mmCIF file of all heavy atoms, coordinates in Angstrom:
data_MODEL
# 
_entry.id   MODEL 
# 
loop_
_atom_site.group_PDB 
_atom_site.id 
_atom_site.type_symbol 
_atom_site.label_atom_id 
_atom_site.label_alt_id 
_atom_site.label_comp_id 
_atom_site.label_asym_id 
_atom_site.label_entity_id 
_atom_site.label_seq_id 
_atom_site.pdbx_PDB_ins_code 
_atom_site.Cartn_x 
_atom_site.Cartn_y 
_atom_site.Cartn_z 
_atom_site.occupancy 
_atom_site.B_iso_or_equiv 
_atom_site.pdbx_formal_charge 
_atom_site.auth_seq_id 
_atom_site.auth_comp_id 
_atom_site.auth_asym_id 
_atom_site.auth_atom_id 
_atom_site.pdbx_PDB_model_num 
ATOM 1   N N   . GLY A 1 1  ? -87.373  -46.147 -78.628 1.00 0.00 ? 1  GLY A N   1 
ATOM 2   C CA  . GLY A 1 1  ? -88.286  -47.053 -79.315 1.00 0.00 ? 1  GLY A CA  1 
ATOM 3   C C   . GLY A 1 1  ? -89.190  -46.324 -80.288 1.00 0.00 ? 1  GLY A C   1 
ATOM 4   O O   . GLY A 1 1  ? -89.379  -45.103 -80.179 1.00 0.00 ? 1  GLY A O   1 
ATOM 5   N N   . TRP A 1 2  ? -89.714  -47.078 -81.225 1.00 0.00 ? 2  TRP A N   1 
ATOM 6   C CA  . TRP A 1 2  ? -90.740  -46.596 -82.156 1.00 0.00 ? 2  TRP A CA  1 
ATOM 7   C C   . TRP A 1 2  ? -91.978  -47.480 -81.977 1.00 0.00 ? 2  TRP A C   1 
ATOM 8   O O   . TRP A 1 2  ? -91.879  -48.710 -81.906 1.00 0.00 ? 2  TRP A O   1 
ATOM 9   C CB  . TRP A 1 2  ? -90.278  -46.688 -83.605 1.00 0.00 ? 2  TRP A CB  1 
ATOM 10  C CG  . TRP A 1 2  ? -89.296  -45.642 -84.024 1.00 0.00 ? 2  TRP A CG  1 
ATOM 11  C CD1 . TRP A 1 2  ? -87.936  -45.767 -84.071 1.00 0.00 ? 2  TRP A CD1 1 
ATOM 12  C CD2 . TRP A 1 2  ? -89.585  -44.323 -84.473 1.00 0.00 ? 2  TRP A CD2 1 
ATOM 13  N NE1 . TRP A 1 2  ? -87.375  -44.598 -84.510 1.00 0.00 ? 2  TRP A NE1 1 
ATOM 14  C CE2 . TRP A 1 2  ? -88.365  -43.695 -84.773 1.00 0.00 ? 2  TRP A CE2 1 
ATOM 15  C CE3 . TRP A 1 2  ? -90.773  -43.590 -84.662 1.00 0.00 ? 2  TRP A CE3 1 
ATOM 16  C CZ2 . TRP A 1 2  ? -88.282  -42.380 -85.240 1.00 0.00 ? 2  TRP A CZ2 1 
ATOM 17  C CZ3 . TRP A 1 2  ? -90.699  -42.298 -85.133 1.00 0.00 ? 2  TRP A CZ3 1 
ATOM 18  C CH2 . TRP A 1 2  ? -89.459  -41.696 -85.418 1.00 0.00 ? 2  TRP A CH2 1 
ATOM 19  N N   . PHE A 1 3  ? -93.110  -46.833 -81.914 1.00 0.00 ? 3  PHE A N   1 
ATOM 20  C CA  . PHE A 1 3  ? -94.400  -47.508 -81.840 1.00 0.00 ? 3  PHE A CA  1 
ATOM 21  C C   . PHE A 1 3  ? -95.299  -46.913 -82.919 1.00 0.00 ? 3  PHE A C   1 
ATOM 22  O O   . PHE A 1 3  ? -94.991  -45.858 -83.477 1.00 0.00 ? 3  PHE A O   1 
ATOM 23  C CB  . PHE A 1 3  ? -95.050  -47.301 -80.464 1.00 0.00 ? 3  PHE A CB  1 
ATOM 24  C CG  . PHE A 1 3  ? -94.362  -48.041 -79.352 1.00 0.00 ? 3  PHE A CG  1 
ATOM 25  C CD1 . PHE A 1 3  ? -93.148  -47.606 -78.853 1.00 0.00 ? 3  PHE A CD1 1 
ATOM 26  C CD2 . PHE A 1 3  ? -94.941  -49.165 -78.786 1.00 0.00 ? 3  PHE A CD2 1 
ATOM 27  C CE1 . PHE A 1 3  ? -92.497  -48.290 -77.824 1.00 0.00 ? 3  PHE A CE1 1 
ATOM 28  C CE2 . PHE A 1 3  ? -94.325  -49.856 -77.753 1.00 0.00 ? 3  PHE A CE2 1 
ATOM 29  C CZ  . PHE A 1 3  ? -93.096  -49.408 -77.289 1.00 0.00 ? 3  PHE A CZ  1 
ATOM 30  N N   . ARG A 1 4  ? -96.404  -47.577 -83.194 1.00 0.00 ? 4  ARG A N   1 
ATOM 31  C CA  . ARG A 1 4  ? -97.359  -47.035 -84.155 1.00 0.00 ? 4  ARG A CA  1 
ATOM 32  C C   . ARG A 1 4  ? -98.778  -47.375 -83.717 1.00 0.00 ? 4  ARG A C   1 
ATOM 33  O O   . ARG A 1 4  ? -99.008  -48.342 -82.977 1.00 0.00 ? 4  ARG A O   1 
ATOM 34  C CB  . ARG A 1 4  ? -97.089  -47.571 -85.561 1.00 0.00 ? 4  ARG A CB  1 
ATOM 35  C CG  . ARG A 1 4  ? -97.339  -49.060 -85.734 1.00 0.00 ? 4  ARG A CG  1 
ATOM 36  C CD  . ARG A 1 4  ? -96.871  -49.507 -87.129 1.00 0.00 ? 4  ARG A CD  1 
ATOM 37  N NE  . ARG A 1 4  ? -97.141  -50.930 -87.360 1.00 0.00 ? 4  ARG A NE  1 
ATOM 38  C CZ  . ARG A 1 4  ? -96.730  -51.599 -88.431 1.00 0.00 ? 4  ARG A CZ  1 
ATOM 39  N NH1 . ARG A 1 4  ? -96.029  -50.959 -89.379 1.00 0.00 ? 4  ARG A NH1 1 
ATOM 40  N NH2 . ARG A 1 4  ? -97.004  -52.872 -88.572 1.00 0.00 ? 4  ARG A NH2 1 
ATOM 41  N N   . GLN A 1 5  ? -99.694  -46.565 -84.205 1.00 0.00 ? 5  GLN A N   1 
ATOM 42  C CA  . GLN A 1 5  ? -101.108 -46.780 -83.887 1.00 0.00 ? 5  GLN A CA  1 
ATOM 43  C C   . GLN A 1 5  ? -101.946 -46.468 -85.104 1.00 0.00 ? 5  GLN A C   1 
ATOM 44  O O   . GLN A 1 5  ? -101.925 -45.341 -85.609 1.00 0.00 ? 5  GLN A O   1 
ATOM 45  C CB  . GLN A 1 5  ? -101.536 -45.919 -82.701 1.00 0.00 ? 5  GLN A CB  1 
ATOM 46  C CG  . GLN A 1 5  ? -102.933 -46.221 -82.208 1.00 0.00 ? 5  GLN A CG  1 
ATOM 47  C CD  . GLN A 1 5  ? -103.222 -45.570 -80.873 1.00 0.00 ? 5  GLN A CD  1 
ATOM 48  O OE1 . GLN A 1 5  ? -102.551 -44.620 -80.457 1.00 0.00 ? 5  GLN A OE1 1 
ATOM 49  N NE2 . GLN A 1 5  ? -104.223 -46.078 -80.169 1.00 0.00 ? 5  GLN A NE2 1 
ATOM 50  N N   . ALA A 1 6  ? -102.655 -47.454 -85.567 1.00 0.00 ? 6  ALA A N   1 
ATOM 51  C CA  . ALA A 1 6  ? -103.586 -47.282 -86.676 1.00 0.00 ? 6  ALA A CA  1 
ATOM 52  C C   . ALA A 1 6  ? -104.970 -46.957 -86.125 1.00 0.00 ? 6  ALA A C   1 
ATOM 53  O O   . ALA A 1 6  ? -105.274 -47.289 -84.972 1.00 0.00 ? 6  ALA A O   1 
ATOM 54  C CB  . ALA A 1 6  ? -103.629 -48.552 -87.515 1.00 0.00 ? 6  ALA A CB  1 
ATOM 55  N N   . PRO A 1 7  ? -105.819 -46.328 -86.914 1.00 0.00 ? 7  PRO A N   1 
ATOM 56  C CA  . PRO A 1 7  ? -107.166 -45.976 -86.435 1.00 0.00 ? 7  PRO A CA  1 
ATOM 57  C C   . PRO A 1 7  ? -107.926 -47.192 -85.929 1.00 0.00 ? 7  PRO A C   1 
ATOM 58  O O   . PRO A 1 7  ? -107.973 -48.230 -86.588 1.00 0.00 ? 7  PRO A O   1 
ATOM 59  C CB  . PRO A 1 7  ? -107.825 -45.389 -87.688 1.00 0.00 ? 7  PRO A CB  1 
ATOM 60  C CG  . PRO A 1 7  ? -106.696 -44.870 -88.503 1.00 0.00 ? 7  PRO A CG  1 
ATOM 61  C CD  . PRO A 1 7  ? -105.570 -45.836 -88.280 1.00 0.00 ? 7  PRO A CD  1 
ATOM 62  N N   . GLY A 1 8  ? -108.480 -47.067 -84.739 1.00 0.00 ? 8  GLY A N   1 
ATOM 63  C CA  . GLY A 1 8  ? -109.272 -48.145 -84.170 1.00 0.00 ? 8  GLY A CA  1 
ATOM 64  C C   . GLY A 1 8  ? -108.467 -49.281 -83.575 1.00 0.00 ? 8  GLY A C   1 
ATOM 65  O O   . GLY A 1 8  ? -109.044 -50.278 -83.132 1.00 0.00 ? 8  GLY A O   1 
ATOM 66  N N   . GLN A 1 9  ? -107.140 -49.125 -83.568 1.00 0.00 ? 9  GLN A N   1 
ATOM 67  C CA  . GLN A 1 9  ? -106.294 -50.184 -83.030 1.00 0.00 ? 9  GLN A CA  1 
ATOM 68  C C   . GLN A 1 9  ? -105.445 -49.661 -81.875 1.00 0.00 ? 9  GLN A C   1 
ATOM 69  O O   . GLN A 1 9  ? -105.287 -48.456 -81.698 1.00 0.00 ? 9  GLN A O   1 
ATOM 70  C CB  . GLN A 1 9  ? -105.389 -50.742 -84.131 1.00 0.00 ? 9  GLN A CB  1 
ATOM 71  C CG  . GLN A 1 9  ? -106.149 -51.375 -85.280 1.00 0.00 ? 9  GLN A CG  1 
ATOM 72  C CD  . GLN A 1 9  ? -105.224 -52.046 -86.284 1.00 0.00 ? 9  GLN A CD  1 
ATOM 73  O OE1 . GLN A 1 9  ? -104.086 -52.378 -85.978 1.00 0.00 ? 9  GLN A OE1 1 
ATOM 74  N NE2 . GLN A 1 9  ? -105.727 -52.250 -87.484 1.00 0.00 ? 9  GLN A NE2 1 
ATOM 75  N N   . GLU A 1 10 ? -104.901 -50.598 -81.108 1.00 0.00 ? 10 GLU A N   1 
ATOM 76  C CA  . GLU A 1 10 ? -104.045 -50.208 -80.000 1.00 0.00 ? 10 GLU A CA  1 
ATOM 77  C C   . GLU A 1 10 ? -102.648 -49.853 -80.517 1.00 0.00 ? 10 GLU A C   1 
ATOM 78  O O   . GLU A 1 10 ? -102.222 -50.291 -81.591 1.00 0.00 ? 10 GLU A O   1 
ATOM 79  C CB  . GLU A 1 10 ? -103.951 -51.348 -78.985 1.00 0.00 ? 10 GLU A CB  1 
ATOM 80  C CG  . GLU A 1 10 ? -105.263 -51.660 -78.290 1.00 0.00 ? 10 GLU A CG  1 
ATOM 81  C CD  . GLU A 1 10 ? -105.100 -52.661 -77.168 1.00 0.00 ? 10 GLU A CD  1 
ATOM 82  O OE1 . GLU A 1 10 ? -103.991 -53.234 -77.052 1.00 0.00 ? 10 GLU A OE1 1 
ATOM 83  O OE2 . GLU A 1 10 ? -106.077 -52.887 -76.437 1.00 0.00 ? 10 GLU A OE2 1 
ATOM 84  N N   . ARG A 1 11 ? -101.939 -49.080 -79.708 1.00 0.00 ? 11 ARG A N   1 
ATOM 85  C CA  . ARG A 1 11 ? -100.563 -48.758 -80.037 1.00 0.00 ? 11 ARG A CA  1 
ATOM 86  C C   . ARG A 1 11 ? -99.733  -50.034 -79.985 1.00 0.00 ? 11 ARG A C   1 
ATOM 87  O O   . ARG A 1 11 ? -99.870  -50.833 -79.060 1.00 0.00 ? 11 ARG A O   1 
ATOM 88  C CB  . ARG A 1 11 ? -100.029 -47.734 -79.064 1.00 0.00 ? 11 ARG A CB  1 
ATOM 89  C CG  . ARG A 1 11 ? -98.703  -47.142 -79.443 1.00 0.00 ? 11 ARG A CG  1 
ATOM 90  C CD  . ARG A 1 11 ? -98.311  -45.992 -78.534 1.00 0.00 ? 11 ARG A CD  1 
ATOM 91  N NE  . ARG A 1 11 ? -99.271  -44.899 -78.611 1.00 0.00 ? 11 ARG A NE  1 
ATOM 92  C CZ  . ARG A 1 11 ? -99.067  -43.698 -78.051 1.00 0.00 ? 11 ARG A CZ  1 
ATOM 93  N NH1 . ARG A 1 11 ? -97.958  -43.469 -77.392 1.00 0.00 ? 11 ARG A NH1 1 
ATOM 94  N NH2 . ARG A 1 11 ? -99.990  -42.766 -78.146 1.00 0.00 ? 11 ARG A NH2 1 
ATOM 95  N N   . GLU A 1 12 ? -98.867  -50.215 -80.984 1.00 0.00 ? 12 GLU A N   1 
ATOM 96  C CA  . GLU A 1 12 ? -98.070  -51.432 -81.030 1.00 0.00 ? 12 GLU A CA  1 
ATOM 97  C C   . GLU A 1 12 ? -96.596  -51.123 -81.208 1.00 0.00 ? 12 GLU A C   1 
ATOM 98  O O   . GLU A 1 12 ? -96.214  -50.114 -81.813 1.00 0.00 ? 12 GLU A O   1 
ATOM 99  C CB  . GLU A 1 12 ? -98.540  -52.349 -82.166 1.00 0.00 ? 12 GLU A CB  1 
ATOM 100 C CG  . GLU A 1 12 ? -98.356  -51.799 -83.559 1.00 0.00 ? 12 GLU A CG  1 
ATOM 101 C CD  . GLU A 1 12 ? -98.688  -52.811 -84.640 1.00 0.00 ? 12 GLU A CD  1 
ATOM 102 O OE1 . GLU A 1 12 ? -99.081  -53.945 -84.326 1.00 0.00 ? 12 GLU A OE1 1 
ATOM 103 O OE2 . GLU A 1 12 ? -98.540  -52.456 -85.832 1.00 0.00 ? 12 GLU A OE2 1 
ATOM 104 N N   . PHE A 1 13 ? -95.791  -52.014 -80.698 1.00 0.00 ? 13 PHE A N   1 
ATOM 105 C CA  . PHE A 1 13 ? -94.338  -51.907 -80.793 1.00 0.00 ? 13 PHE A CA  1 
ATOM 106 C C   . PHE A 1 13 ? -93.889  -52.091 -82.243 1.00 0.00 ? 13 PHE A C   1 
ATOM 107 O O   . PHE A 1 13 ? -94.412  -52.960 -82.952 1.00 0.00 ? 13 PHE A O   1 
ATOM 108 C CB  . PHE A 1 13 ? -93.702  -52.968 -79.914 1.00 0.00 ? 13 PHE A CB  1 
ATOM 109 C CG  . PHE A 1 13 ? -92.229  -53.148 -80.109 1.00 0.00 ? 13 PHE A CG  1 
ATOM 110 C CD1 . PHE A 1 13 ? -91.339  -52.257 -79.540 1.00 0.00 ? 13 PHE A CD1 1 
ATOM 111 C CD2 . PHE A 1 13 ? -91.730  -54.195 -80.859 1.00 0.00 ? 13 PHE A CD2 1 
ATOM 112 C CE1 . PHE A 1 13 ? -89.973  -52.416 -79.712 1.00 0.00 ? 13 PHE A CE1 1 
ATOM 113 C CE2 . PHE A 1 13 ? -90.372  -54.364 -81.040 1.00 0.00 ? 13 PHE A CE2 1 
ATOM 114 C CZ  . PHE A 1 13 ? -89.491  -53.466 -80.467 1.00 0.00 ? 13 PHE A CZ  1 
ATOM 115 N N   . VAL A 1 14 ? -92.918  -51.288 -82.666 1.00 0.00 ? 14 VAL A N   1 
ATOM 116 C CA  . VAL A 1 14 ? -92.356  -51.423 -84.005 1.00 0.00 ? 14 VAL A CA  1 
ATOM 117 C C   . VAL A 1 14 ? -90.878  -51.805 -83.931 1.00 0.00 ? 14 VAL A C   1 
ATOM 118 O O   . VAL A 1 14 ? -90.454  -52.794 -84.519 1.00 0.00 ? 14 VAL A O   1 
ATOM 119 C CB  . VAL A 1 14 ? -92.517  -50.115 -84.807 1.00 0.00 ? 14 VAL A CB  1 
ATOM 120 C CG1 . VAL A 1 14 ? -91.828  -50.232 -86.163 1.00 0.00 ? 14 VAL A CG1 1 
ATOM 121 C CG2 . VAL A 1 14 ? -93.986  -49.760 -84.973 1.00 0.00 ? 14 VAL A CG2 1 
ATOM 122 N N   . ALA A 1 15 ? -90.086  -51.000 -83.212 1.00 0.00 ? 15 ALA A N   1 
ATOM 123 C CA  . ALA A 1 15 ? -88.646  -51.248 -83.151 1.00 0.00 ? 15 ALA A CA  1 
ATOM 124 C C   . ALA A 1 15 ? -88.074  -50.572 -81.922 1.00 0.00 ? 15 ALA A C   1 
ATOM 125 O O   . ALA A 1 15 ? -88.657  -49.621 -81.398 1.00 0.00 ? 15 ALA A O   1 
ATOM 126 C CB  . ALA A 1 15 ? -87.956  -50.732 -84.405 1.00 0.00 ? 15 ALA A CB  1 
ATOM 127 N N   . ALA A 1 16 ? -86.913  -51.054 -81.487 1.00 0.00 ? 16 ALA A N   1 
ATOM 128 C CA  . ALA A 1 16 ? -86.251  -50.466 -80.330 1.00 0.00 ? 16 ALA A CA  1 
ATOM 129 C C   . ALA A 1 16 ? -84.750  -50.610 -80.473 1.00 0.00 ? 16 ALA A C   1 
ATOM 130 O O   . ALA A 1 16 ? -84.257  -51.505 -81.182 1.00 0.00 ? 16 ALA A O   1 
ATOM 131 C CB  . ALA A 1 16 ? -86.733  -51.135 -79.042 1.00 0.00 ? 16 ALA A CB  1 
ATOM 132 N N   . ILE A 1 17 ? -84.034  -49.735 -79.767 1.00 0.00 ? 17 ILE A N   1 
ATOM 133 C CA  . ILE A 1 17 ? -82.576  -49.755 -79.813 1.00 0.00 ? 17 ILE A CA  1 
ATOM 134 C C   . ILE A 1 17 ? -82.060  -49.399 -78.424 1.00 0.00 ? 17 ILE A C   1 
ATOM 135 O O   . ILE A 1 17 ? -82.595  -48.513 -77.752 1.00 0.00 ? 17 ILE A O   1 
ATOM 136 C CB  . ILE A 1 17 ? -82.061  -48.775 -80.894 1.00 0.00 ? 17 ILE A CB  1 
ATOM 137 C CG1 . ILE A 1 17 ? -80.559  -48.895 -81.088 1.00 0.00 ? 17 ILE A CG1 1 
ATOM 138 C CG2 . ILE A 1 17 ? -82.472  -47.338 -80.582 1.00 0.00 ? 17 ILE A CG2 1 
ATOM 139 C CD1 . ILE A 1 17 ? -80.067  -48.190 -82.352 1.00 0.00 ? 17 ILE A CD1 1 
ATOM 140 N N   . SER A 1 18 ? -81.027  -50.106 -77.979 1.00 0.00 ? 18 SER A N   1 
ATOM 141 C CA  . SER A 1 18 ? -80.465  -49.830 -76.670 1.00 0.00 ? 18 SER A CA  1 
ATOM 142 C C   . SER A 1 18 ? -79.665  -48.536 -76.694 1.00 0.00 ? 18 SER A C   1 
ATOM 143 O O   . SER A 1 18 ? -79.400  -47.971 -77.755 1.00 0.00 ? 18 SER A O   1 
ATOM 144 C CB  . SER A 1 18 ? -79.574  -51.003 -76.230 1.00 0.00 ? 18 SER A CB  1 
ATOM 145 O OG  . SER A 1 18 ? -78.502  -51.170 -77.138 1.00 0.00 ? 18 SER A OG  1 
ATOM 146 N N   . TRP A 1 19 ? -79.252  -48.081 -75.503 1.00 0.00 ? 19 TRP A N   1 
ATOM 147 C CA  . TRP A 1 19 ? -78.598  -46.788 -75.420 1.00 0.00 ? 19 TRP A CA  1 
ATOM 148 C C   . TRP A 1 19 ? -77.302  -46.750 -76.230 1.00 0.00 ? 19 TRP A C   1 
ATOM 149 O O   . TRP A 1 19 ? -76.950  -45.737 -76.816 1.00 0.00 ? 19 TRP A O   1 
ATOM 150 C CB  . TRP A 1 19 ? -78.315  -46.424 -73.972 1.00 0.00 ? 19 TRP A CB  1 
ATOM 151 C CG  . TRP A 1 19 ? -77.229  -47.244 -73.330 1.00 0.00 ? 19 TRP A CG  1 
ATOM 152 C CD1 . TRP A 1 19 ? -77.354  -48.446 -72.705 1.00 0.00 ? 19 TRP A CD1 1 
ATOM 153 C CD2 . TRP A 1 19 ? -75.835  -46.915 -73.256 1.00 0.00 ? 19 TRP A CD2 1 
ATOM 154 N NE1 . TRP A 1 19 ? -76.149  -48.901 -72.248 1.00 0.00 ? 19 TRP A NE1 1 
ATOM 155 C CE2 . TRP A 1 19 ? -75.189  -47.980 -72.573 1.00 0.00 ? 19 TRP A CE2 1 
ATOM 156 C CE3 . TRP A 1 19 ? -75.068  -45.829 -73.706 1.00 0.00 ? 19 TRP A CE3 1 
ATOM 157 C CZ2 . TRP A 1 19 ? -73.825  -47.981 -72.321 1.00 0.00 ? 19 TRP A CZ2 1 
ATOM 158 C CZ3 . TRP A 1 19 ? -73.711  -45.836 -73.454 1.00 0.00 ? 19 TRP A CZ3 1 
ATOM 159 C CH2 . TRP A 1 19 ? -73.100  -46.917 -72.768 1.00 0.00 ? 19 TRP A CH2 1 
ATOM 160 N N   . SER A 1 20 ? -76.589  -47.892 -76.284 1.00 0.00 ? 20 SER A N   1 
ATOM 161 C CA  . SER A 1 20 ? -75.309  -47.944 -76.995 1.00 0.00 ? 20 SER A CA  1 
ATOM 162 C C   . SER A 1 20 ? -75.458  -48.388 -78.438 1.00 0.00 ? 20 SER A C   1 
ATOM 163 O O   . SER A 1 20 ? -74.469  -48.472 -79.164 1.00 0.00 ? 20 SER A O   1 
ATOM 164 C CB  . SER A 1 20 ? -74.377  -48.908 -76.277 1.00 0.00 ? 20 SER A CB  1 
ATOM 165 O OG  . SER A 1 20 ? -74.916  -50.215 -76.328 1.00 0.00 ? 20 SER A OG  1 
ATOM 166 N N   . ALA A 1 21 ? -76.684  -48.700 -78.833 1.00 0.00 ? 21 ALA A N   1 
ATOM 167 C CA  . ALA A 1 21 ? -76.979  -49.226 -80.174 1.00 0.00 ? 21 ALA A CA  1 
ATOM 168 C C   . ALA A 1 21 ? -76.465  -50.641 -80.380 1.00 0.00 ? 21 ALA A C   1 
ATOM 169 O O   . ALA A 1 21 ? -76.475  -51.138 -81.508 1.00 0.00 ? 21 ALA A O   1 
ATOM 170 C CB  . ALA A 1 21 ? -76.456  -48.305 -81.271 1.00 0.00 ? 21 ALA A CB  1 
ATOM 171 N N   . SER A 1 22 ? -76.044  -51.292 -79.317 1.00 0.00 ? 22 SER A N   1 
ATOM 172 C CA  . SER A 1 22 ? -75.531  -52.659 -79.460 1.00 0.00 ? 22 SER A CA  1 
ATOM 173 C C   . SER A 1 22 ? -76.646  -53.682 -79.623 1.00 0.00 ? 22 SER A C   1 
ATOM 174 O O   . SER A 1 22 ? -76.421  -54.786 -80.112 1.00 0.00 ? 22 SER A O   1 
ATOM 175 C CB  . SER A 1 22 ? -74.676  -53.025 -78.256 1.00 0.00 ? 22 SER A CB  1 
ATOM 176 O OG  . SER A 1 22 ? -75.430  -52.921 -77.067 1.00 0.00 ? 22 SER A OG  1 
ATOM 177 N N   . ASN A 1 23 ? -77.851  -53.316 -79.197 1.00 0.00 ? 23 ASN A N   1 
ATOM 178 C CA  . ASN A 1 23 ? -79.010  -54.214 -79.310 1.00 0.00 ? 23 ASN A CA  1 
ATOM 179 C C   . ASN A 1 23 ? -80.151  -53.512 -80.029 1.00 0.00 ? 23 ASN A C   1 
ATOM 180 O O   . ASN A 1 23 ? -80.440  -52.349 -79.741 1.00 0.00 ? 23 ASN A O   1 
ATOM 181 C CB  . ASN A 1 23 ? -79.501  -54.658 -77.934 1.00 0.00 ? 23 ASN A CB  1 
ATOM 182 C CG  . ASN A 1 23 ? -78.485  -55.520 -77.222 1.00 0.00 ? 23 ASN A CG  1 
ATOM 183 O OD1 . ASN A 1 23 ? -77.962  -56.474 -77.775 1.00 0.00 ? 23 ASN A OD1 1 
ATOM 184 N ND2 . ASN A 1 23 ? -78.191  -55.181 -75.979 1.00 0.00 ? 23 ASN A ND2 1 
ATOM 185 N N   . THR A 1 24 ? -80.785  -54.211 -80.940 1.00 0.00 ? 24 THR A N   1 
ATOM 186 C CA  . THR A 1 24 ? -81.976  -53.725 -81.612 1.00 0.00 ? 24 THR A CA  1 
ATOM 187 C C   . THR A 1 24 ? -83.012  -54.841 -81.632 1.00 0.00 ? 24 THR A C   1 
ATOM 188 O O   . THR A 1 24 ? -82.683  -56.019 -81.489 1.00 0.00 ? 24 THR A O   1 
ATOM 189 C CB  . THR A 1 24 ? -81.698  -53.274 -83.055 1.00 0.00 ? 24 THR A CB  1 
ATOM 190 O OG1 . THR A 1 24 ? -81.153  -54.376 -83.792 1.00 0.00 ? 24 THR A OG1 1 
ATOM 191 C CG2 . THR A 1 24 ? -80.718  -52.110 -83.094 1.00 0.00 ? 24 THR A CG2 1 
# 
């Protein structure tokens, strides 16, 4: 997965991929 955090904000989900890449 990829997450991001901007200053003063909570970490948020950006993108994810399953182990086989069949799901994103």
